[in-house]
Protein backbone atom coordinates (compact mmCIF):
# COMPACT_ATOMS: atom_id res chain seq x y z
CA MET A 1 173.70 45.81 106.83
CA GLY A 2 177.39 46.62 106.16
CA ASN A 3 178.89 49.82 104.86
CA VAL A 4 176.53 51.76 102.61
CA GLU A 5 178.14 53.98 100.01
CA SER A 6 176.58 57.40 99.55
CA GLN A 7 175.82 59.05 96.24
CA GLN A 8 178.11 61.92 95.26
CA THR A 9 178.05 65.15 93.30
CA LEU A 10 180.45 68.04 92.76
CA GLN A 11 181.19 70.64 95.42
CA SER A 12 180.80 73.47 92.89
CA ASP A 13 180.65 74.27 89.18
CA VAL A 14 183.45 73.29 86.80
CA LYS A 15 183.81 75.05 83.44
CA PHE A 16 185.44 73.90 80.19
CA THR A 17 185.85 75.48 76.76
CA GLY A 18 187.13 74.02 73.53
CA ILE A 19 186.16 72.45 70.24
CA GLY A 20 184.11 69.31 69.77
CA LEU A 21 186.02 66.40 68.22
CA MET A 22 183.38 65.30 65.73
CA LEU A 23 181.65 68.49 64.57
CA GLY A 24 184.39 71.01 65.30
CA GLU A 25 182.06 73.52 66.98
CA GLN A 26 183.29 75.88 69.67
CA VAL A 27 181.59 75.01 72.96
CA GLU A 28 181.40 76.16 76.56
CA LEU A 29 180.44 73.50 79.09
CA THR A 30 179.68 73.69 82.81
CA ILE A 31 179.31 70.68 85.10
CA LYS A 32 177.11 71.60 88.06
CA PRO A 33 176.19 69.83 91.31
CA ALA A 34 172.83 68.04 91.32
CA PRO A 35 170.62 66.51 94.03
CA ALA A 36 170.52 62.82 94.88
CA ASP A 37 168.90 60.50 92.33
CA THR A 38 169.17 63.09 89.55
CA GLY A 39 171.60 61.04 87.49
CA ILE A 40 173.62 62.71 84.74
CA VAL A 41 171.50 65.26 82.87
CA PHE A 42 172.67 67.31 79.88
CA GLN A 43 171.10 70.68 79.11
CA ARG A 44 171.42 72.49 75.77
CA ILE A 45 171.38 76.12 76.89
CA ASP A 46 171.83 77.28 73.27
CA LEU A 47 168.36 75.99 72.30
CA PRO A 48 164.93 77.53 73.05
CA ASP A 49 163.69 76.60 76.55
CA SER A 50 167.10 74.97 77.32
CA PRO A 51 165.88 71.37 76.89
CA GLU A 52 167.35 68.57 78.99
CA VAL A 53 168.45 65.07 77.99
CA LYS A 54 169.19 62.47 80.65
CA ALA A 55 171.88 59.84 80.19
CA CYS A 56 169.75 56.67 80.14
CA PRO A 57 169.26 53.71 77.80
CA GLU A 58 166.06 54.96 76.19
CA ASN A 59 167.70 58.24 75.15
CA TRP A 60 170.59 56.61 73.27
CA GLU A 61 170.53 57.17 69.52
CA ASP A 62 173.05 56.08 66.87
CA ILE A 63 173.45 59.57 65.38
CA LEU A 64 177.14 60.03 64.58
CA PRO A 65 179.70 57.29 63.85
CA ARG A 66 182.56 56.60 66.23
CA CYS A 67 180.97 58.25 69.28
CA THR A 68 178.02 57.97 71.69
CA SER A 69 174.96 60.21 71.35
CA LEU A 70 171.73 60.95 73.19
CA GLN A 71 168.47 62.29 71.83
CA HIS A 72 165.23 63.28 73.52
CA GLY A 73 162.60 64.83 71.29
CA GLU A 74 164.50 67.10 68.92
CA THR A 75 167.41 67.65 71.31
CA THR A 76 170.70 65.89 70.57
CA ILE A 77 173.95 65.52 72.52
CA SER A 78 176.93 63.73 70.92
CA SER A 79 180.43 62.60 71.85
CA ILE A 80 179.52 62.20 75.52
CA GLU A 81 181.62 59.10 76.23
CA HIS A 82 184.76 60.82 77.62
CA LEU A 83 182.80 63.05 79.97
CA LEU A 84 180.56 60.20 81.13
CA SER A 85 183.67 58.10 81.64
CA ALA A 86 185.25 60.76 83.87
CA LEU A 87 182.07 61.04 85.95
CA ALA A 88 181.81 57.25 86.27
CA GLY A 89 185.51 56.87 87.06
CA LEU A 90 185.22 59.39 89.90
CA LYS A 91 181.95 57.80 91.10
CA ILE A 92 179.90 60.93 90.54
CA ASP A 93 176.27 59.81 90.58
CA ASN A 94 174.57 63.16 89.96
CA ALA A 95 175.47 66.16 87.81
CA LYS A 96 173.88 68.74 85.53
CA VAL A 97 175.95 69.34 82.39
CA GLU A 98 175.15 72.63 80.64
CA LEU A 99 176.57 73.19 77.17
CA ASN A 100 175.93 75.53 74.26
CA ALA A 101 176.63 73.16 71.36
CA GLN A 102 175.88 69.57 70.36
CA GLU A 103 179.01 68.01 71.86
CA PRO A 104 181.41 68.60 74.76
CA PRO A 105 184.92 69.88 74.07
CA GLY A 106 187.38 67.22 72.98
CA LEU A 107 190.16 68.73 75.13
CA ASP A 108 193.25 66.52 74.72
CA GLY A 109 191.28 63.48 73.53
CA SER A 110 191.29 61.79 76.93
CA ALA A 111 189.31 62.20 80.16
CA LEU A 112 192.27 63.60 82.09
CA GLN A 113 191.36 67.30 82.00
CA TYR A 114 187.80 66.53 83.10
CA VAL A 115 189.14 64.50 86.01
CA THR A 116 191.77 67.07 87.03
CA LYS A 117 189.36 70.02 87.17
CA ILE A 118 186.71 68.05 89.02
CA GLN A 119 189.32 66.96 91.57
CA GLN A 120 190.22 70.62 92.12
CA VAL A 121 186.70 71.52 93.27
CA GLY A 122 186.14 68.22 95.10
CA LEU A 123 183.10 66.07 95.69
CA VAL A 124 180.35 66.05 98.30
CA GLN A 125 178.42 63.07 99.62
CA LEU A 126 174.63 63.10 99.46
CA ASP A 127 172.11 61.67 101.87
CA ALA A 128 171.15 58.79 99.60
CA PRO A 129 172.66 55.35 98.99
CA ARG A 130 174.49 54.60 95.75
CA ARG A 131 172.89 51.99 93.52
CA TYR A 132 174.76 49.57 91.29
CA VAL A 133 173.97 47.46 88.25
CA GLU A 134 174.51 43.89 89.42
CA VAL A 135 173.89 40.48 87.89
CA SER A 136 173.22 37.20 89.68
CA GLU A 137 174.26 35.13 86.66
CA PRO A 138 176.38 35.76 83.54
CA PHE A 139 174.85 38.17 81.01
CA VAL A 140 176.42 38.24 77.56
CA VAL A 141 175.79 39.84 74.17
CA CYS A 142 177.69 38.56 71.12
CA ASP A 143 177.87 39.61 67.47
CA ASP A 144 180.37 37.80 65.25
CA ASP A 145 183.75 38.41 66.89
CA LYS A 146 182.42 41.06 69.32
CA GLN A 147 181.50 40.03 72.85
CA LEU A 148 180.58 41.87 76.03
CA LEU A 149 179.96 39.98 79.25
CA PHE A 150 178.91 40.80 82.81
CA LEU A 151 179.85 38.24 85.47
CA PRO A 152 178.65 38.43 89.10
CA SER A 153 181.16 40.25 91.31
CA ASP A 154 181.40 42.35 94.46
CA THR A 155 183.66 44.85 92.64
CA PHE A 156 183.87 46.64 89.28
CA GLU A 157 186.52 44.93 87.19
CA VAL A 158 187.21 45.44 83.48
CA THR A 159 189.04 43.10 81.12
CA PHE A 160 189.44 44.37 77.55
CA ALA A 161 190.92 42.59 74.53
CA TYR A 162 191.79 44.83 71.58
CA ASP A 163 193.46 44.00 68.30
CA HIS A 164 193.96 45.61 64.89
CA PRO A 165 196.11 44.58 61.90
CA LEU A 166 198.34 47.65 62.34
CA THR A 167 198.99 47.10 66.06
CA SER A 168 200.02 44.24 68.25
CA PRO A 169 197.13 42.77 70.29
CA GLN A 170 196.58 44.51 73.62
CA PHE A 171 194.91 42.86 76.61
CA ALA A 172 194.51 44.29 80.10
CA THR A 173 192.54 43.85 83.32
CA TRP A 174 191.87 46.45 86.02
CA GLU A 175 189.89 46.58 89.22
CA MET A 176 188.28 49.94 88.63
CA THR A 177 188.91 51.98 91.76
CA GLU A 178 188.99 55.76 91.55
CA GLU A 179 192.79 55.69 91.90
CA THR A 180 193.16 53.18 89.09
CA TYR A 181 190.87 55.19 86.84
CA ILE A 182 192.66 58.49 87.51
CA ASN A 183 196.17 57.11 87.02
CA ASP A 184 195.76 54.35 84.45
CA ILE A 185 192.67 55.06 82.35
CA ALA A 186 191.82 58.78 82.28
CA PRO A 187 195.06 59.89 80.51
CA ALA A 188 194.63 57.49 77.55
CA ARG A 189 193.87 59.43 74.36
CA SER A 190 191.58 58.94 71.38
CA PHE A 191 193.28 57.35 68.42
CA CYS A 192 192.59 56.64 64.78
CA PHE A 193 194.44 55.12 61.87
CA GLU A 194 195.89 57.34 59.18
CA ALA A 195 194.23 55.25 56.48
CA GLU A 196 190.79 56.06 58.00
CA ILE A 197 191.10 59.84 58.06
CA GLU A 198 189.82 60.50 54.55
CA ALA A 199 186.82 58.21 55.02
CA LEU A 200 185.94 59.83 58.36
CA GLN A 201 186.12 63.30 56.82
CA ALA A 202 183.84 62.13 54.00
CA LEU A 203 181.28 61.20 56.70
CA GLY A 204 181.43 64.78 58.00
CA ILE A 205 183.01 63.87 61.32
CA GLY A 206 186.37 64.49 62.92
CA LYS A 207 186.19 68.21 62.09
CA GLY A 208 187.69 69.15 65.46
CA ALA A 209 190.38 66.46 65.43
CA ASN A 210 194.06 67.37 65.25
CA TYR A 211 197.40 66.00 66.37
CA ASP A 212 196.90 67.56 69.82
CA ASN A 213 193.72 65.66 70.62
CA VAL A 214 193.94 62.46 68.56
CA LEU A 215 196.75 59.94 68.43
CA VAL A 216 197.21 58.99 64.77
CA VAL A 217 198.55 55.53 63.95
CA LYS A 218 200.43 55.45 60.66
CA ASP A 219 200.66 52.64 58.13
CA HIS A 220 203.58 50.87 59.77
CA GLY A 221 202.31 51.23 63.33
CA GLU A 222 204.28 54.33 64.34
CA THR A 223 202.27 57.06 66.11
CA SER A 224 201.98 60.82 65.62
CA SER A 225 203.24 61.51 69.14
CA GLU A 226 204.86 59.61 71.96
CA LEU A 227 202.58 57.13 73.69
CA ARG A 228 201.57 57.88 77.28
CA PHE A 229 201.41 54.11 77.91
CA GLN A 230 202.78 51.24 75.89
CA ASP A 231 199.21 49.86 75.75
CA GLU A 232 197.45 53.23 75.39
CA PHE A 233 195.01 51.89 72.79
CA VAL A 234 193.40 49.28 75.05
CA ARG A 235 193.35 51.79 77.90
CA HIS A 236 191.42 54.27 75.78
CA LYS A 237 189.03 51.54 74.66
CA THR A 238 188.45 50.83 78.35
CA LEU A 239 187.87 54.54 78.98
CA ASP A 240 185.22 54.56 76.24
CA LEU A 241 183.62 51.37 77.60
CA ILE A 242 183.25 52.85 81.09
CA GLY A 243 181.60 55.98 79.69
CA ASP A 244 179.23 54.01 77.48
CA LEU A 245 178.22 51.65 80.29
CA TYR A 246 177.26 54.73 82.34
CA LEU A 247 174.33 55.11 79.94
CA ALA A 248 172.69 52.66 82.34
CA GLY A 249 172.50 55.51 84.87
CA TYR A 250 174.36 53.47 87.48
CA LEU A 251 177.87 52.11 87.91
CA PRO A 252 178.37 48.38 87.36
CA LYS A 253 179.32 46.05 90.17
CA ALA A 254 180.40 43.19 87.93
CA GLN A 255 183.35 41.63 86.20
CA VAL A 256 183.14 43.14 82.72
CA ILE A 257 184.83 41.36 79.83
CA ALA A 258 184.93 43.07 76.41
CA MET A 259 186.39 41.75 73.18
CA ARG A 260 186.70 43.94 70.05
CA THR A 261 183.73 46.10 71.05
CA GLY A 262 182.90 49.73 70.26
CA HIS A 263 180.45 52.50 71.08
CA THR A 264 177.37 51.17 69.29
CA PHE A 265 177.86 47.67 70.67
CA HIS A 266 178.30 49.05 74.20
CA ALA A 267 175.07 51.05 73.97
CA GLU A 268 173.17 48.06 72.57
CA PHE A 269 174.47 46.01 75.49
CA VAL A 270 173.08 48.56 77.96
CA GLN A 271 169.76 48.49 76.14
CA ALA A 272 169.80 44.69 76.38
CA LEU A 273 170.31 45.01 80.15
CA ALA A 274 167.27 47.28 80.26
CA GLU A 275 165.14 44.98 78.10
CA LYS A 276 166.05 42.03 80.32
CA GLY A 277 164.80 43.99 83.35
CA ILE A 278 168.23 44.03 85.01
CA LEU A 279 168.22 47.82 85.33
CA ASP A 280 164.77 47.64 86.91
CA GLN A 281 166.28 45.48 89.63
CA VAL A 282 168.96 48.01 90.59
CA LYS A 283 168.71 48.11 94.36
CA SER A 284 169.44 50.84 96.81
CA GLY A 285 172.30 50.14 99.19
CA ASP A 286 169.89 50.24 102.13
CA SER A 287 166.71 49.15 100.40
CA GLN A 288 164.41 46.97 102.43
CA GLU A 289 162.48 44.00 101.13
CA ILE A 290 158.77 44.69 101.44
CA GLN A 291 155.75 42.50 101.13
CA PRO A 292 153.77 43.66 98.08
CA ILE A 293 151.06 46.13 99.05
CA GLU A 294 147.84 44.92 97.50
CA ALA A 295 144.97 46.92 96.00
CA LYS A 296 142.73 46.57 99.06
CA ASP A 297 145.36 48.36 101.15
CA ILE A 298 146.30 50.88 98.44
CA TYR A 299 142.69 52.05 98.19
CA ARG A 300 142.32 52.41 101.92
CA ILE A 301 144.60 55.42 101.37
CA LEU A 302 143.51 56.53 97.90
CA PRO A 303 139.87 57.62 97.44
CA HIS A 304 139.45 56.09 93.96
CA ARG A 305 136.86 53.41 93.37
CA HIS A 306 135.93 51.13 90.45
CA PRO A 307 136.37 51.70 87.54
CA MET A 308 139.16 54.20 88.35
CA CYS A 309 141.42 51.89 90.38
CA LEU A 310 144.56 51.66 88.25
CA LEU A 311 147.00 50.05 90.71
CA ASP A 312 147.02 46.34 91.52
CA ARG A 313 149.98 46.41 93.89
CA VAL A 314 153.04 48.36 95.05
CA ILE A 315 156.20 46.23 95.01
CA GLU A 316 158.87 48.76 96.05
CA TYR A 317 158.99 52.18 97.65
CA GLU A 318 161.23 54.59 99.52
CA ASN A 319 159.44 57.31 101.44
CA GLY A 320 159.95 60.73 99.94
CA LYS A 321 161.80 59.29 96.93
CA ARG A 322 160.33 56.64 94.68
CA ALA A 323 157.86 53.81 94.21
CA VAL A 324 157.24 50.94 91.81
CA GLY A 325 153.74 49.65 91.13
CA ILE A 326 152.08 47.02 88.94
CA LYS A 327 148.91 47.16 86.87
CA ASN A 328 147.76 44.01 85.06
CA LEU A 329 145.51 44.69 82.09
CA THR A 330 142.78 42.22 81.16
CA TYR A 331 140.39 42.23 78.23
CA ASN A 332 137.54 42.83 80.71
CA GLU A 333 138.78 46.29 81.77
CA PRO A 334 135.91 48.81 81.47
CA ILE A 335 138.15 51.12 79.43
CA PHE A 336 138.25 48.63 76.56
CA GLU A 337 134.48 48.51 76.20
CA GLY A 338 134.53 51.88 74.45
CA HIS A 339 138.15 52.57 73.50
CA PHE A 340 138.72 50.82 70.17
CA PRO A 341 136.61 47.73 71.15
CA VAL A 342 137.71 45.84 68.03
CA GLN A 343 141.39 46.61 68.67
CA PRO A 344 141.56 47.71 72.33
CA VAL A 345 144.31 50.09 73.46
CA MET A 346 144.79 51.63 76.91
CA PRO A 347 144.53 55.43 76.60
CA GLY A 348 147.78 57.22 77.34
CA VAL A 349 146.00 59.60 79.68
CA LEU A 350 144.99 56.65 81.88
CA GLN A 351 148.58 55.45 81.99
CA VAL A 352 149.51 58.90 83.31
CA GLU A 353 146.60 58.63 85.76
CA ALA A 354 148.06 55.34 87.02
CA LEU A 355 151.41 57.06 87.60
CA ALA A 356 149.60 59.85 89.45
CA GLN A 357 147.78 57.36 91.68
CA LEU A 358 151.10 55.74 92.56
CA GLY A 359 152.59 59.17 93.33
CA ALA A 360 149.61 60.20 95.43
CA TRP A 361 149.74 56.90 97.34
CA LEU A 362 153.45 57.40 98.10
CA LEU A 363 152.81 60.91 99.43
CA LEU A 364 149.64 60.15 101.40
CA GLN A 365 150.81 56.94 103.07
CA GLU A 366 153.90 58.76 104.32
CA ILE A 367 152.11 61.69 105.95
CA GLY A 368 149.43 59.38 107.36
CA GLU A 369 146.75 62.08 107.55
CA GLU A 370 143.13 61.29 106.91
CA ASP A 371 140.86 63.40 104.71
CA GLN A 372 143.66 64.30 102.30
CA LEU A 373 143.46 63.98 98.54
CA GLY A 374 146.03 64.33 95.79
CA TYR A 375 145.00 66.47 92.81
CA PHE A 376 146.71 66.90 89.46
CA ARG A 377 148.32 70.33 89.12
CA SER A 378 150.16 69.82 85.84
CA ILE A 379 151.33 67.30 83.27
CA SER A 380 154.35 67.95 81.05
CA LYS A 381 156.82 66.13 78.82
CA ALA A 382 154.32 63.32 78.25
CA THR A 383 155.47 60.90 75.55
CA PHE A 384 153.68 57.73 74.48
CA ARG A 385 156.17 55.39 72.83
CA ARG A 386 154.15 52.20 72.24
CA THR A 387 150.61 50.90 72.50
CA VAL A 388 149.45 49.13 75.66
CA ILE A 389 146.93 46.37 75.13
CA PRO A 390 145.01 43.69 77.07
CA GLY A 391 147.34 41.08 78.52
CA ASP A 392 150.13 43.59 79.20
CA GLN A 393 151.58 44.03 82.66
CA LEU A 394 152.45 47.67 83.36
CA ARG A 395 155.44 48.37 85.58
CA LEU A 396 154.90 51.88 86.93
CA GLU A 397 157.93 53.75 88.25
CA ILE A 398 157.71 57.18 89.86
CA GLU A 399 160.35 59.39 91.41
CA ILE A 400 159.80 62.58 93.40
CA ILE A 401 162.08 65.20 91.83
CA GLN A 402 160.86 68.22 93.80
CA ARG A 403 158.89 68.48 97.02
CA ARG A 404 157.20 71.22 99.00
CA SER A 405 154.81 70.81 101.90
CA THR A 406 151.66 70.31 99.80
CA LEU A 407 153.07 70.05 96.27
CA ALA A 408 155.26 67.41 94.65
CA LYS A 409 156.75 67.21 91.18
CA ILE A 410 157.07 63.63 89.97
CA ALA A 411 158.79 61.92 87.04
CA GLY A 412 157.00 58.79 85.95
CA GLU A 413 157.66 55.96 83.52
CA VAL A 414 155.55 53.02 82.37
CA TYR A 415 157.29 49.85 81.16
CA VAL A 416 155.89 46.81 79.38
CA ASP A 417 158.19 43.77 79.07
CA GLY A 418 161.16 45.94 80.02
CA ALA A 419 160.50 48.48 77.22
CA LEU A 420 159.53 52.07 77.95
CA ALA A 421 155.92 52.68 76.90
CA THR A 422 155.08 56.04 78.45
CA GLU A 423 156.86 58.80 80.35
CA ALA A 424 155.69 62.09 81.82
CA GLU A 425 156.36 64.66 84.49
CA LEU A 426 153.43 65.63 86.68
CA SER A 427 152.79 67.63 89.79
CA ILE A 428 150.36 66.66 92.53
CA ALA A 429 148.86 69.00 95.09
CA LEU A 430 147.68 67.68 98.45
CA ALA A 431 144.53 69.19 99.91
CA ALA A 432 141.69 68.37 102.29
CA ASN A 433 139.00 66.38 100.51
CA GLU A 434 136.38 69.09 100.96
CA THR A 435 138.50 71.52 98.90
CA GLU A 436 136.85 72.22 95.58
CA ARG A 437 138.77 71.63 92.37
CA THR A 438 139.88 74.82 90.65
């Protein structure tokens, strides 16, 4: 099976204070350790109920120019690329990022201070394998002169081509090890051109920018301060690219080639990976191939019977962690006889029920006890993003995010054609089947 890399998180909290580059707001930020398979989750502790926003393709929104933003519901996080880049460069898979403003501090315009402080507290390995975004064939997105390409590879390698009329073209390639990132990428600073400053200010951004955190390129190519590297521009573009690609939720294991790309293009590329189903295929380092578990075997464990059988098969699972199931919808489903018969739509509540059945199956097949049932205890954060109709195939993904002996909290997502249709968090209580519902 070879060497399996473990997921990592921080040993302890790391705190930062400063001013955000785009909006100029004072901010305090704390990066905290997080359990395996959490991913990178931001939490706005300045807002009521301290809402969370996970770094993932479906939460990307094009909110502010010249930076990368997330939005979930009404909660927005902006300018996350430098922090995400530092976490990706250090191979930190899981972290909770608490902040009391819309964007992290800009610090010196690079990722270096994030890296240095995280190194001071150190990292800890978790009892879970790291997963990578991998491709088996070239995957490319082009738009005019912009191009971003993933090629199959056993390592993470970045080639970036950058040019601008006021600078000489810069081209560089790195195999992205932690050492390379720390020494060659993290110190590269944000830059802008003097001729752009007035236009950026007119857009209401760059309020926190100054000569200490942004390298300004003047009309004849001279810079506002001494360069840290002769090719600092292409290094910073690479820094941004690494942070933006971490929107996928996983590090790439690919040869990445970028030409004249920027934040929006990077995020659209990650969304294209998701729509193509490539992110669905991210495999655990020790995942085992399983024969699909068909409905007849699923419902030997679950007590449901027609017309409430909402799983056709289970195609992946890891005990105590996650499962992926499939539900194929046909026009003959009993639910469509009464739910908008002229224009049938699968009720959102039944999509959540399908996620719950998958969660209950994962729990019950693991403990292997007879006469146990899984009951709903709660549903929260349910969002229905698109209609689900006859002919659709539902890909159901659930992850156990908290577990006690008889109670599990589960995050679930429903995808159709690679696009997120429904998401919810639910809790399931296990009890003997003679227990009455309360």
